[in-house]
Structures are given as structure tokens and as C-alpha cells.
Amino acid sequence: MIDGRFASNLPAELLIDRASIARRIDELGAELAGLFADEQPPVLVGVLKGSTMFLADLIRAMKIDVVVDFMSI
């Protein structure tokens, strides 16, 4: 991306800014960590290829042990 646009110069509209996404991932991670803090580590399953970056950010935000697996559809 160059200046918020794709290199092909196709028009693109920013729907949710990066800071808002990061803030929501932190909130979600804290909520999930609270739900699973006293239990066995939860199993997080990501669908390859689109979920990898989101799942990595969520895992970092959870701050508890988790088990991670991926599936391809």
C-alpha cells in the first residue's frame, strides 16, 4: 500500500482504521483471557490463509497459554 491506496491505484475506502482494529483485538483478547484463565488452555483454530495475522495478534493480546491449530478449506 502506498499512502493508504493499493499500488494498482484502484480506489479504496478505509472503513476501519488500524488503531481501532488493534484496540478491539486487545479488548477481545482481554475478555477471552478472563473467560479461560482458570481452565485448560483454549484451542484457537484459524482458517488458512486469511486468519493468520489476526490470530497472531489475538494470541498476543490474550496473555494466557493457548493451543493453536489451523485448517484449510
N, C-alpha and C. Protein backbone atom coordinates (compact mmCIF):
# COMPACT_ATOMS: atom_id res chain seq x y z
N MET A 1 0.84 -1.18 0.00
CA MET A 1 0.00 0.00 0.00
C MET A 1 0.88 1.23 0.00
N ILE A 2 0.44 2.21 -0.71
CA ILE A 2 1.16 3.47 -0.80
C ILE A 2 0.18 4.57 -0.43
N ASP A 3 0.47 5.31 0.64
CA ASP A 3 -0.40 6.40 1.09
C ASP A 3 -1.85 5.98 1.24
N GLY A 4 -2.08 4.76 1.79
CA GLY A 4 -3.44 4.30 2.02
C GLY A 4 -4.13 3.75 0.79
N ARG A 5 -3.44 3.70 -0.33
CA ARG A 5 -4.01 3.16 -1.57
C ARG A 5 -3.24 1.94 -2.00
N PHE A 6 -3.88 1.09 -2.75
CA PHE A 6 -3.20 -0.07 -3.29
C PHE A 6 -2.32 0.37 -4.45
N ALA A 7 -1.25 -0.35 -4.68
CA ALA A 7 -0.30 0.01 -5.72
C ALA A 7 -0.94 0.09 -7.10
N SER A 8 -2.05 -0.59 -7.33
CA SER A 8 -2.68 -0.57 -8.64
C SER A 8 -3.49 0.71 -8.88
N ASN A 9 -3.54 1.59 -7.87
CA ASN A 9 -4.28 2.86 -7.94
C ASN A 9 -5.79 2.67 -8.06
N LEU A 10 -6.30 1.51 -7.72
CA LEU A 10 -7.73 1.33 -7.66
C LEU A 10 -8.27 2.12 -6.47
N PRO A 11 -9.43 2.70 -6.58
CA PRO A 11 -9.97 3.45 -5.44
C PRO A 11 -10.26 2.51 -4.28
N ALA A 12 -9.95 2.93 -3.10
CA ALA A 12 -10.21 2.15 -1.90
C ALA A 12 -10.68 3.08 -0.80
N GLU A 13 -11.63 2.61 -0.04
CA GLU A 13 -12.16 3.40 1.06
C GLU A 13 -11.78 2.73 2.37
N LEU A 14 -11.17 3.48 3.26
CA LEU A 14 -10.79 2.96 4.57
C LEU A 14 -12.04 2.89 5.44
N LEU A 15 -12.41 1.68 5.84
CA LEU A 15 -13.61 1.50 6.65
C LEU A 15 -13.32 1.53 8.14
N ILE A 16 -12.23 0.87 8.55
CA ILE A 16 -11.85 0.82 9.96
C ILE A 16 -10.35 1.07 10.03
N ASP A 17 -9.95 2.06 10.80
CA ASP A 17 -8.52 2.38 10.87
C ASP A 17 -7.77 1.36 11.72
N ARG A 18 -6.47 1.33 11.52
CA ARG A 18 -5.59 0.36 12.17
C ARG A 18 -5.66 0.43 13.69
N ALA A 19 -5.71 1.63 14.24
CA ALA A 19 -5.76 1.81 15.69
C ALA A 19 -7.05 1.23 16.29
N SER A 20 -8.16 1.40 15.58
CA SER A 20 -9.44 0.85 16.07
C SER A 20 -9.42 -0.67 16.07
N ILE A 21 -8.84 -1.26 15.03
CA ILE A 21 -8.74 -2.71 14.97
C ILE A 21 -7.85 -3.23 16.09
N ALA A 22 -6.70 -2.59 16.30
CA ALA A 22 -5.78 -3.01 17.36
C ALA A 22 -6.44 -2.88 18.73
N ARG A 23 -7.18 -1.81 18.95
CA ARG A 23 -7.85 -1.61 20.24
C ARG A 23 -8.90 -2.70 20.47
N ARG A 24 -9.66 -3.04 19.43
CA ARG A 24 -10.69 -4.07 19.58
C ARG A 24 -10.09 -5.46 19.80
N ILE A 25 -8.99 -5.74 19.14
CA ILE A 25 -8.30 -7.02 19.35
C ILE A 25 -7.81 -7.11 20.79
N ASP A 26 -7.27 -6.02 21.33
CA ASP A 26 -6.83 -6.00 22.73
C ASP A 26 -8.00 -6.25 23.67
N GLU A 27 -9.15 -5.61 23.40
CA GLU A 27 -10.34 -5.81 24.23
C GLU A 27 -10.82 -7.26 24.17
N LEU A 28 -10.87 -7.79 22.97
CA LEU A 28 -11.31 -9.17 22.78
C LEU A 28 -10.35 -10.15 23.45
N GLY A 29 -9.05 -9.91 23.31
CA GLY A 29 -8.06 -10.76 23.95
C GLY A 29 -8.19 -10.76 25.46
N ALA A 30 -8.39 -9.59 26.03
CA ALA A 30 -8.55 -9.49 27.49
C ALA A 30 -9.82 -10.20 27.95
N GLU A 31 -10.91 -10.06 27.19
CA GLU A 31 -12.16 -10.72 27.54
C GLU A 31 -12.02 -12.24 27.47
N LEU A 32 -11.43 -12.74 26.41
CA LEU A 32 -11.25 -14.19 26.28
C LEU A 32 -10.30 -14.74 27.33
N ALA A 33 -9.23 -14.00 27.63
CA ALA A 33 -8.29 -14.43 28.67
C ALA A 33 -9.00 -14.54 30.01
N GLY A 34 -9.89 -13.61 30.30
CA GLY A 34 -10.65 -13.66 31.54
C GLY A 34 -11.58 -14.86 31.61
N LEU A 35 -12.19 -15.18 30.49
CA LEU A 35 -13.11 -16.33 30.44
C LEU A 35 -12.39 -17.66 30.64
N PHE A 36 -11.16 -17.77 30.12
CA PHE A 36 -10.45 -19.04 30.14
C PHE A 36 -9.28 -19.09 31.12
N ALA A 37 -9.14 -18.10 31.98
CA ALA A 37 -7.98 -18.00 32.87
C ALA A 37 -7.84 -19.20 33.81
N ASP A 38 -8.95 -19.73 34.30
CA ASP A 38 -8.89 -20.80 35.29
C ASP A 38 -9.15 -22.18 34.69
N GLU A 39 -9.13 -22.28 33.38
CA GLU A 39 -9.41 -23.54 32.71
C GLU A 39 -8.19 -24.00 31.93
N GLN A 40 -8.33 -25.14 31.28
CA GLN A 40 -7.27 -25.61 30.39
C GLN A 40 -7.10 -24.60 29.27
N PRO A 41 -5.92 -24.54 28.67
CA PRO A 41 -5.72 -23.58 27.58
C PRO A 41 -6.74 -23.79 26.46
N PRO A 42 -7.37 -22.71 26.01
CA PRO A 42 -8.33 -22.84 24.92
C PRO A 42 -7.63 -23.20 23.61
N VAL A 43 -8.36 -23.84 22.72
CA VAL A 43 -7.85 -24.17 21.40
C VAL A 43 -8.38 -23.13 20.42
N LEU A 44 -7.48 -22.39 19.81
CA LEU A 44 -7.86 -21.40 18.81
C LEU A 44 -7.59 -22.00 17.44
N VAL A 45 -8.59 -22.00 16.59
CA VAL A 45 -8.45 -22.59 15.26
C VAL A 45 -8.61 -21.48 14.23
N GLY A 46 -7.58 -21.32 13.42
CA GLY A 46 -7.62 -20.32 12.35
C GLY A 46 -7.78 -20.98 11.00
N VAL A 47 -8.53 -20.33 10.13
CA VAL A 47 -8.69 -20.83 8.77
C VAL A 47 -7.59 -20.21 7.91
N LEU A 48 -6.75 -21.08 7.33
CA LEU A 48 -5.67 -20.59 6.48
C LEU A 48 -6.28 -19.98 5.23
N LYS A 49 -5.83 -19.07 4.78
CA LYS A 49 -4.72 -18.16 4.78
C LYS A 49 -5.10 -16.81 5.34
N GLY A 50 -6.38 -16.54 5.47
CA GLY A 50 -6.79 -15.20 5.84
C GLY A 50 -6.71 -14.85 7.31
N SER A 51 -6.66 -15.82 8.19
CA SER A 51 -6.77 -15.51 9.62
C SER A 51 -5.44 -15.39 10.34
N THR A 52 -4.35 -15.67 9.68
CA THR A 52 -3.06 -15.81 10.36
C THR A 52 -2.65 -14.56 11.13
N MET A 53 -2.70 -13.41 10.50
CA MET A 53 -2.26 -12.17 11.17
C MET A 53 -3.20 -11.80 12.31
N PHE A 54 -4.51 -11.93 12.08
CA PHE A 54 -5.48 -11.64 13.13
C PHE A 54 -5.28 -12.57 14.32
N LEU A 55 -5.14 -13.86 14.05
CA LEU A 55 -4.98 -14.83 15.13
C LEU A 55 -3.70 -14.58 15.91
N ALA A 56 -2.63 -14.23 15.24
CA ALA A 56 -1.37 -13.91 15.93
C ALA A 56 -1.55 -12.71 16.86
N ASP A 57 -2.22 -11.68 16.39
CA ASP A 57 -2.48 -10.51 17.25
C ASP A 57 -3.37 -10.87 18.42
N LEU A 58 -4.38 -11.70 18.19
CA LEU A 58 -5.28 -12.10 19.27
C LEU A 58 -4.55 -12.92 20.32
N ILE A 59 -3.70 -13.84 19.89
CA ILE A 59 -2.93 -14.66 20.82
C ILE A 59 -2.05 -13.77 21.71
N ARG A 60 -1.38 -12.80 21.10
CA ARG A 60 -0.54 -11.89 21.89
C ARG A 60 -1.37 -11.09 22.89
N ALA A 61 -2.59 -10.73 22.52
CA ALA A 61 -3.45 -9.93 23.39
C ALA A 61 -4.04 -10.75 24.54
N MET A 62 -4.12 -12.07 24.38
CA MET A 62 -4.75 -12.89 25.41
C MET A 62 -3.90 -13.05 26.66
N LYS A 63 -2.62 -13.09 26.55
CA LYS A 63 -1.70 -13.17 27.70
C LYS A 63 -1.95 -14.39 28.59
N ILE A 64 -2.47 -15.47 28.02
CA ILE A 64 -2.57 -16.76 28.70
C ILE A 64 -2.08 -17.81 27.72
N ASP A 65 -1.83 -19.02 28.22
CA ASP A 65 -1.43 -20.10 27.32
C ASP A 65 -2.62 -20.51 26.45
N VAL A 66 -2.34 -20.75 25.19
CA VAL A 66 -3.37 -21.22 24.27
C VAL A 66 -2.77 -22.33 23.41
N VAL A 67 -3.65 -23.12 22.83
CA VAL A 67 -3.26 -24.12 21.84
C VAL A 67 -3.76 -23.59 20.50
N VAL A 68 -2.91 -23.66 19.48
CA VAL A 68 -3.27 -23.10 18.18
C VAL A 68 -3.25 -24.20 17.13
N ASP A 69 -4.24 -24.18 16.28
CA ASP A 69 -4.28 -25.10 15.15
C ASP A 69 -4.83 -24.34 13.96
N PHE A 70 -4.54 -24.84 12.78
CA PHE A 70 -5.02 -24.21 11.57
C PHE A 70 -5.71 -25.25 10.71
N MET A 71 -6.65 -24.81 9.92
CA MET A 71 -7.29 -25.70 8.95
C MET A 71 -7.40 -24.97 7.62
N SER A 72 -7.40 -25.74 6.58
CA SER A 72 -7.52 -25.19 5.24
C SER A 72 -8.83 -25.65 4.66
N ILE A 73 -9.56 -24.72 4.08
CA ILE A 73 -10.82 -25.08 3.46
C ILE A 73 -10.75 -24.74 1.99
